[in-house]
Each structure stands twice: as C-alpha cells, then as structure tokens.
N, C-alpha and C. Protein backbone atom coordinates (compact mmCIF):
# COMPACT_ATOMS: atom_id res chain seq x y z
N MET A 1 -4.20 -21.83 1.60
CA MET A 1 -4.20 -21.38 0.18
C MET A 1 -4.69 -20.02 -0.13
N VAL A 2 -5.75 -19.62 0.63
CA VAL A 2 -6.41 -18.23 0.72
C VAL A 2 -5.49 -17.12 1.17
N ALA A 3 -4.68 -17.59 2.03
CA ALA A 3 -3.70 -16.72 2.83
C ALA A 3 -2.57 -16.40 1.90
N TRP A 4 -1.94 -17.52 1.18
CA TRP A 4 -1.12 -17.15 0.32
C TRP A 4 -1.43 -16.33 -0.92
N VAL A 5 -2.54 -16.59 -1.47
CA VAL A 5 -3.03 -15.54 -2.66
C VAL A 5 -3.22 -14.15 -2.17
N LEU A 6 -3.95 -14.14 -0.79
CA LEU A 6 -3.97 -12.76 -0.26
C LEU A 6 -2.60 -11.97 0.00
N ARG A 7 -1.66 -12.88 0.51
CA ARG A 7 -0.32 -12.23 0.78
C ARG A 7 0.38 -11.83 -0.77
N VAL A 8 0.17 -12.47 -1.77
CA VAL A 8 0.73 -12.17 -2.99
C VAL A 8 0.00 -10.98 -3.46
N LEU A 9 -1.41 -10.84 -3.47
CA LEU A 9 -2.03 -9.61 -3.82
C LEU A 9 -1.69 -8.33 -2.98
N VAL A 10 -1.24 -8.46 -1.88
CA VAL A 10 -0.87 -7.45 -0.94
C VAL A 10 0.58 -7.01 -1.45
N VAL A 11 1.54 -7.92 -1.58
CA VAL A 11 2.68 -7.62 -2.22
C VAL A 11 2.65 -6.87 -3.55
N LEU A 12 1.67 -7.36 -4.44
CA LEU A 12 1.82 -6.93 -5.62
C LEU A 12 1.04 -5.35 -5.55
N GLY A 13 0.17 -5.05 -4.64
CA GLY A 13 -0.26 -3.81 -4.26
C GLY A 13 0.65 -2.91 -3.95
N LEU A 14 1.47 -3.38 -3.01
CA LEU A 14 2.60 -2.34 -2.39
C LEU A 14 3.65 -2.22 -3.52
N LEU A 15 3.99 -3.26 -4.32
CA LEU A 15 4.89 -3.04 -5.39
C LEU A 15 4.28 -2.05 -6.46
N GLY A 16 2.97 -2.41 -6.84
CA GLY A 16 2.51 -1.53 -7.66
C GLY A 16 2.27 -0.03 -7.33
N SER A 17 2.09 0.37 -6.07
CA SER A 17 2.13 1.58 -5.59
C SER A 17 3.32 2.27 -5.51
N ALA A 18 4.42 1.68 -5.24
CA ALA A 18 5.66 1.95 -5.19
C ALA A 18 6.09 2.50 -6.65
N TRP A 19 5.71 1.56 -7.69
CA TRP A 19 6.09 1.85 -9.00
C TRP A 19 5.42 3.08 -9.41
N VAL A 20 4.13 3.33 -9.16
CA VAL A 20 3.50 4.50 -9.66
C VAL A 20 4.33 5.76 -9.10
N HIS A 21 4.52 5.62 -7.80
CA HIS A 21 5.09 6.74 -7.27
C HIS A 21 6.57 6.93 -7.78
N TYR A 22 7.17 5.88 -8.10
CA TYR A 22 8.62 6.04 -8.82
C TYR A 22 8.41 6.75 -10.16
N ASP A 23 7.38 6.09 -10.99
CA ASP A 23 7.09 6.80 -12.33
C ASP A 23 6.96 8.14 -12.24
N LEU A 24 6.00 8.61 -11.29
CA LEU A 24 5.57 9.97 -11.13
C LEU A 24 6.76 10.90 -10.87
N TYR A 25 7.62 10.32 -9.98
CA TYR A 25 8.63 11.05 -9.45
C TYR A 25 9.83 11.18 -10.49
N ALA A 26 10.08 10.18 -11.10
CA ALA A 26 11.10 10.10 -12.31
C ALA A 26 10.79 10.77 -13.80
N ASN A 27 9.45 10.56 -13.92
CA ASN A 27 8.99 10.67 -15.29
C ASN A 27 8.06 11.71 -15.55
N GLN A 28 7.22 12.13 -14.44
CA GLN A 28 6.28 13.08 -14.50
C GLN A 28 6.52 14.44 -13.89
N GLY A 29 7.67 14.60 -13.53
CA GLY A 29 7.99 16.05 -12.86
C GLY A 29 7.68 16.31 -11.42
N PHE A 30 7.33 15.19 -10.66
CA PHE A 30 7.26 15.31 -9.35
C PHE A 30 8.60 15.58 -8.46
N SER A 31 9.55 15.19 -9.16
CA SER A 31 10.85 15.31 -8.33
C SER A 31 11.23 16.76 -8.28
N ASP A 32 10.42 17.67 -9.02
CA ASP A 32 10.79 19.07 -8.92
C ASP A 32 9.68 19.80 -7.95
N ILE A 33 9.06 18.96 -7.27
CA ILE A 33 8.14 19.68 -6.23
C ILE A 33 8.80 19.54 -4.84
N ASP A 34 8.85 20.63 -4.11
CA ASP A 34 9.70 20.52 -2.81
C ASP A 34 9.27 19.58 -1.79
N LYS A 35 8.13 19.55 -1.49
CA LYS A 35 7.71 18.67 -0.33
C LYS A 35 7.36 17.18 -0.93
N ILE A 36 6.64 17.23 -2.02
CA ILE A 36 5.89 16.17 -2.45
C ILE A 36 7.23 15.03 -3.10
N GLY A 37 8.07 15.76 -3.69
CA GLY A 37 9.16 14.82 -4.33
C GLY A 37 9.79 13.81 -3.54
N PRO A 38 10.33 14.36 -2.21
CA PRO A 38 10.75 13.45 -1.19
C PRO A 38 9.86 12.69 -0.78
N LEU A 39 8.60 12.99 -0.60
CA LEU A 39 7.56 12.07 0.01
C LEU A 39 7.33 10.79 -0.93
N PHE A 40 7.38 11.30 -2.07
CA PHE A 40 7.19 10.06 -3.23
C PHE A 40 8.38 9.08 -3.14
N LEU A 41 9.56 9.55 -2.86
CA LEU A 41 10.76 8.76 -2.88
C LEU A 41 10.45 7.80 -1.36
N VAL A 42 10.15 8.52 -0.42
CA VAL A 42 9.81 7.69 0.86
C VAL A 42 8.74 6.64 0.54
N ASN A 43 7.65 6.92 -0.32
CA ASN A 43 6.69 5.87 -0.66
C ASN A 43 7.27 4.80 -1.43
N VAL A 44 8.35 5.01 -2.34
CA VAL A 44 8.70 4.15 -3.15
C VAL A 44 9.62 3.15 -2.30
N VAL A 45 10.46 3.61 -1.44
CA VAL A 45 11.18 2.88 -0.55
C VAL A 45 10.50 2.20 0.40
N ALA A 46 9.51 2.56 1.08
CA ALA A 46 8.62 2.15 2.16
C ALA A 46 7.72 0.77 1.25
N GLY A 47 7.23 1.20 0.16
CA GLY A 47 6.36 0.06 -0.52
C GLY A 47 7.17 -1.24 -0.84
N VAL A 48 8.39 -0.91 -1.14
CA VAL A 48 9.41 -2.20 -1.41
C VAL A 48 9.73 -2.86 -0.13
N VAL A 49 10.02 -2.12 0.92
CA VAL A 49 10.60 -2.81 2.24
C VAL A 49 9.28 -3.30 2.76
N ILE A 50 8.06 -2.91 2.92
CA ILE A 50 6.90 -3.54 3.42
C ILE A 50 6.79 -4.90 2.58
N ALA A 51 6.81 -4.61 1.20
CA ALA A 51 6.28 -5.76 0.51
C ALA A 51 7.26 -7.16 0.79
N LEU A 52 8.57 -6.66 0.87
CA LEU A 52 9.59 -7.79 1.23
C LEU A 52 9.30 -8.41 2.64
N ALA A 53 8.74 -7.58 3.64
CA ALA A 53 8.32 -8.12 4.99
C ALA A 53 7.45 -8.91 4.90
N VAL A 54 6.26 -8.52 4.20
CA VAL A 54 5.04 -9.25 3.86
C VAL A 54 5.30 -10.48 3.37
N LEU A 55 6.23 -10.55 2.36
CA LEU A 55 6.67 -11.93 1.55
C LEU A 55 7.29 -12.84 2.56
N LEU A 56 8.26 -12.27 3.20
CA LEU A 56 9.21 -13.13 3.95
C LEU A 56 8.98 -13.30 5.31
N TRP A 57 8.23 -12.47 6.23
CA TRP A 57 7.98 -12.68 7.49
C TRP A 57 6.29 -12.69 7.49
N HIS A 58 6.01 -13.95 7.83
CA HIS A 58 4.56 -14.42 7.95
C HIS A 58 4.05 -14.02 9.34
N HIS A 59 3.94 -12.77 9.61
CA HIS A 59 3.40 -12.11 11.00
C HIS A 59 2.38 -11.14 10.73
N TRP A 60 1.60 -10.79 11.69
CA TRP A 60 0.73 -9.76 11.39
C TRP A 60 1.19 -8.31 11.42
N LEU A 61 2.49 -8.07 11.82
CA LEU A 61 2.93 -6.66 11.82
C LEU A 61 3.19 -6.27 10.25
N PRO A 62 3.90 -6.86 9.53
CA PRO A 62 4.07 -6.32 8.23
C PRO A 62 2.84 -6.07 7.38
N VAL A 63 1.82 -6.99 7.79
CA VAL A 63 0.44 -7.01 6.79
C VAL A 63 -0.21 -5.63 7.44
N LEU A 64 0.04 -5.42 8.85
CA LEU A 64 -0.76 -4.15 9.34
C LEU A 64 -0.01 -3.06 8.83
N ALA A 65 1.17 -3.24 8.52
CA ALA A 65 2.00 -2.05 7.95
C ALA A 65 1.73 -1.65 6.34
N ALA A 66 1.26 -2.66 5.81
CA ALA A 66 0.75 -2.72 4.33
C ALA A 66 -0.67 -1.97 4.37
N VAL A 67 -1.40 -2.37 5.44
CA VAL A 67 -2.82 -1.84 5.58
C VAL A 67 -2.68 -0.21 5.47
N GLY A 68 -1.72 0.02 6.53
CA GLY A 68 -1.46 1.54 7.09
C GLY A 68 -0.86 2.26 5.84
N PHE A 69 0.12 1.64 5.19
CA PHE A 69 0.50 2.20 3.98
C PHE A 69 -0.43 2.56 2.87
N GLY A 70 -1.29 1.50 2.56
CA GLY A 70 -2.17 1.73 1.45
C GLY A 70 -3.25 2.74 2.19
N ALA A 71 -3.49 2.90 3.20
CA ALA A 71 -4.58 3.74 3.75
C ALA A 71 -4.04 5.19 3.85
N VAL A 72 -2.86 5.37 4.19
CA VAL A 72 -2.33 6.73 4.32
C VAL A 72 -1.84 7.29 3.07
N THR A 73 -1.60 6.41 2.13
CA THR A 73 -1.23 6.86 0.83
C THR A 73 -2.50 7.48 -0.09
N LEU A 74 -3.51 6.37 0.24
CA LEU A 74 -4.81 6.75 -0.46
C LEU A 74 -5.45 7.95 0.15
N VAL A 75 -5.41 8.32 1.36
CA VAL A 75 -6.02 9.39 2.17
C VAL A 75 -5.10 10.78 1.60
N ALA A 76 -3.72 10.67 1.56
CA ALA A 76 -3.00 11.59 0.90
C ALA A 76 -3.43 12.22 -0.46
N TYR A 77 -3.69 10.85 -1.22
CA TYR A 77 -4.04 11.29 -2.69
C TYR A 77 -5.41 11.84 -2.50
N LEU A 78 -6.27 11.49 -1.72
CA LEU A 78 -7.70 12.06 -1.72
C LEU A 78 -7.65 13.70 -1.18
N ILE A 79 -6.82 13.74 -0.44
CA ILE A 79 -6.54 15.43 -0.02
C ILE A 79 -6.02 16.04 -1.16
N SER A 80 -5.30 15.51 -1.96
CA SER A 80 -4.72 16.17 -2.96
C SER A 80 -5.51 16.63 -3.96
N LEU A 81 -6.78 15.79 -4.14
CA LEU A 81 -8.05 16.13 -4.86
C LEU A 81 -8.84 17.23 -4.53
N THR A 82 -8.63 17.81 -3.28
CA THR A 82 -9.41 18.88 -2.84
C THR A 82 -8.93 20.30 -3.37
N PRO A 83 -9.84 21.17 -3.24
CA PRO A 83 -9.29 22.38 -3.96
C PRO A 83 -8.04 22.94 -3.35
N GLY A 84 -7.94 22.74 -1.69
CA GLY A 84 -6.70 23.13 -1.37
C GLY A 84 -5.37 22.34 -1.69
N GLY A 85 -5.67 20.98 -2.20
CA GLY A 85 -4.59 20.34 -2.59
C GLY A 85 -3.75 19.67 -1.16
N LEU A 86 -2.77 19.18 -1.48
CA LEU A 86 -1.81 18.70 -0.53
C LEU A 86 -0.21 19.12 -0.70
N PHE A 87 0.06 20.17 0.22
CA PHE A 87 1.34 20.87 0.01
C PHE A 87 1.32 21.54 -1.31
N GLY A 88 0.20 22.12 -1.62
CA GLY A 88 0.21 22.85 -2.84
C GLY A 88 -0.05 22.23 -4.06
N VAL A 89 -0.19 20.93 -4.02
CA VAL A 89 -0.29 20.00 -5.02
C VAL A 89 -1.55 19.99 -5.13
N HIS A 90 -2.46 20.10 -6.47
CA HIS A 90 -3.82 19.74 -6.63
C HIS A 90 -3.93 18.67 -7.74
N GLU A 91 -4.31 17.53 -7.68
CA GLU A 91 -4.63 16.50 -8.50
C GLU A 91 -6.08 16.61 -9.16
N GLN A 92 -6.33 16.00 -10.33
CA GLN A 92 -7.55 16.19 -10.88
C GLN A 92 -8.05 14.90 -11.34
N PHE A 93 -7.26 13.67 -11.11
CA PHE A 93 -7.62 12.42 -11.42
C PHE A 93 -7.81 12.02 -12.93
N VAL A 94 -6.84 12.49 -13.62
CA VAL A 94 -6.99 12.34 -15.13
C VAL A 94 -5.95 11.64 -15.74
N MET A 95 -4.90 11.36 -15.13
CA MET A 95 -3.82 10.44 -15.51
C MET A 95 -4.14 9.00 -15.30
N GLN A 96 -3.68 8.12 -15.97
CA GLN A 96 -3.74 6.61 -15.87
C GLN A 96 -2.86 6.21 -14.62
N SER A 97 -1.86 6.77 -14.30
CA SER A 97 -1.09 6.47 -13.13
C SER A 97 -1.88 6.72 -11.61
N GLU A 98 -2.64 7.72 -11.89
CA GLU A 98 -3.58 8.03 -10.72
C GLU A 98 -4.60 6.94 -10.46
N VAL A 99 -5.15 6.40 -11.68
CA VAL A 99 -6.13 5.18 -11.49
C VAL A 99 -5.39 4.09 -10.80
N TRP A 100 -4.30 3.65 -11.26
CA TRP A 100 -3.44 2.55 -10.82
C TRP A 100 -3.01 2.77 -9.39
N GLY A 101 -2.59 3.99 -9.08
CA GLY A 101 -2.36 4.38 -7.97
C GLY A 101 -3.62 4.09 -6.76
N VAL A 102 -4.59 4.62 -7.08
CA VAL A 102 -5.78 4.13 -6.26
C VAL A 102 -6.19 2.84 -6.18
N VAL A 103 -6.20 1.99 -7.29
CA VAL A 103 -6.41 0.68 -7.30
C VAL A 103 -5.43 -0.28 -6.44
N THR A 104 -3.98 0.03 -6.50
CA THR A 104 -3.13 -0.53 -5.96
C THR A 104 -3.20 -0.29 -4.30
N GLU A 105 -3.42 0.92 -3.91
CA GLU A 105 -3.45 1.31 -2.78
C GLU A 105 -4.65 0.72 -1.84
N ALA A 106 -5.93 0.89 -2.59
CA ALA A 106 -7.10 0.11 -2.02
C ALA A 106 -6.91 -1.16 -1.84
N GLY A 107 -6.16 -2.02 -2.97
CA GLY A 107 -5.79 -3.51 -2.59
C GLY A 107 -5.02 -3.51 -1.64
N CYS A 108 -4.05 -2.72 -1.15
CA CYS A 108 -3.36 -3.03 -0.12
C CYS A 108 -4.06 -2.94 1.36
N VAL A 109 -5.15 -2.30 1.28
CA VAL A 109 -6.01 -2.13 2.33
C VAL A 109 -6.98 -3.28 2.49
N VAL A 110 -7.76 -3.49 1.29
CA VAL A 110 -8.50 -4.67 1.34
C VAL A 110 -8.16 -5.89 1.47
N PHE A 111 -7.07 -6.44 0.58
CA PHE A 111 -6.38 -7.46 0.71
C PHE A 111 -5.64 -7.84 2.12
N GLY A 112 -5.13 -6.59 2.41
CA GLY A 112 -4.29 -6.62 3.80
C GLY A 112 -5.30 -7.03 5.00
N ILE A 113 -6.56 -6.38 5.02
CA ILE A 113 -7.38 -6.69 6.19
C ILE A 113 -7.91 -8.36 5.89
N GLY A 114 -8.07 -8.65 4.60
CA GLY A 114 -8.52 -9.93 4.39
C GLY A 114 -7.34 -10.95 4.91
N LEU A 115 -6.07 -10.52 4.72
CA LEU A 115 -4.98 -11.57 5.35
C LEU A 115 -4.80 -11.49 6.63
N LEU A 116 -5.04 -10.29 7.37
CA LEU A 116 -5.24 -10.23 8.65
C LEU A 116 -6.10 -11.33 9.25
N VAL A 117 -7.37 -11.15 8.69
CA VAL A 117 -8.53 -11.99 9.26
C VAL A 117 -8.10 -13.47 8.93
N ALA A 118 -7.56 -13.85 7.91
CA ALA A 118 -7.19 -15.17 7.57
C ALA A 118 -5.95 -15.55 8.58
N GLN A 119 -5.19 -14.81 8.95
CA GLN A 119 -4.02 -15.20 9.79
C GLN A 119 -4.58 -15.37 11.45
N VAL A 120 -5.57 -14.54 11.70
CA VAL A 120 -6.17 -14.82 12.99
C VAL A 120 -7.02 -16.01 13.01
N ARG A 121 -7.85 -16.30 11.75
CA ARG A 121 -8.69 -17.48 11.87
C ARG A 121 -7.52 -18.80 12.00
N ALA A 122 -6.64 -18.67 11.12
CA ALA A 122 -5.59 -19.88 11.13
C ALA A 122 -4.87 -19.90 12.50
N ARG A 123 -4.71 -18.95 13.26
CA ARG A 123 -4.03 -19.09 14.60
C ARG A 123 -4.98 -19.58 15.55
N ALA A 124 -6.40 -19.11 15.71
CA ALA A 124 -7.35 -19.71 16.66
C ALA A 124 -7.55 -21.09 16.11
N GLY A 125 -7.59 -21.56 14.85
CA GLY A 125 -7.62 -23.04 14.55
C GLY A 125 -6.44 -24.01 15.09
N ARG A 126 -5.12 -23.35 14.96
CA ARG A 126 -4.22 -24.01 15.65
C ARG A 126 -4.44 -24.22 17.25
N ARG A 127 -4.89 -23.18 17.71
CA ARG A 127 -5.06 -23.22 19.23
C ARG A 127 -6.07 -24.29 19.61
N ARG A 128 -7.13 -24.34 18.90
CA ARG A 128 -8.20 -25.42 19.14
C ARG A 128 -7.60 -26.75 19.02
N VAL A 129 -6.72 -26.95 18.17
CA VAL A 129 -6.26 -28.40 17.76
C VAL A 129 -5.14 -28.53 19.03
N ALA A 130 -4.50 -27.71 19.41
CA ALA A 130 -3.58 -27.92 20.47
C ALA A 130 -4.18 -28.14 21.98
N VAL A 131 -5.38 -27.48 22.17
CA VAL A 131 -6.02 -27.64 23.43
C VAL A 131 -6.94 -29.12 23.26
N ALA A 132 -7.30 -29.57 22.27
CA ALA A 132 -8.19 -30.73 22.11
C ALA A 132 -7.25 -32.00 22.21
C-alpha cells in the first residue's frame, strides 16, 4: 500500500513538473529563449514519459530516472537563481509556477527515494520467504 501511494506521488510530481514547464514555455514567453525554450520542451516530454514508465513498469529503473529528473531539474532551477543565471536566464523566485516547480521536483526526489527503499525492502522480504 505504501509503495502504491509513493508511486502515485512520484507520478504526480513528474506530471506537475512537466505541466509547469509546458505552461512557462507556452504562456510565459520561455519559448522565445534560445537555449532554455527547447530544454523546457525536453523537460515536458521527459516528465510525461518517465511518469508513464513509473506507473506501468514496476521496476527500480524508472523510479531512479524520476529521482534523477527531479534532482537535475531542481539543480538547474537553483543555478538560474544565481547572479550568473542559467544560459543567460536569471530567475528571482517570484512566480507561483516557480513555487510549484520546486515542490513537484522535490517531490520527485523525496518520494522517488522512498519508493526505491520500499521496492528494495519488498524484494528482500520476498527473498526471505523463498529461502525459508
């Protein structure tokens, strides 16, 4: 039951991050930024694909991809907050979409790690039963 809830939370985090990046790309002018615009589209597609993989393939690999997705996206955002910015884009953490982006990406990392731990424990429990 815990693994199922964690899986749903990871999927929601992935889809939430994908939606935030799509909204920024389509409605907030990020499509006009040379390097960042295409990266936002990559983020949208990757978030949806990884979410489907986490939902449909109950293996550790898509969960690890979700953790990596959340971590890399969050680090990229944190770099954009620095004075140098990211590819010339300097964020200031003032839009509601930025808050939701941080929440969803942190959720991918935290709930993804929790799901990985739950999967390892479940596998270890099945091995003990098989040996006994």
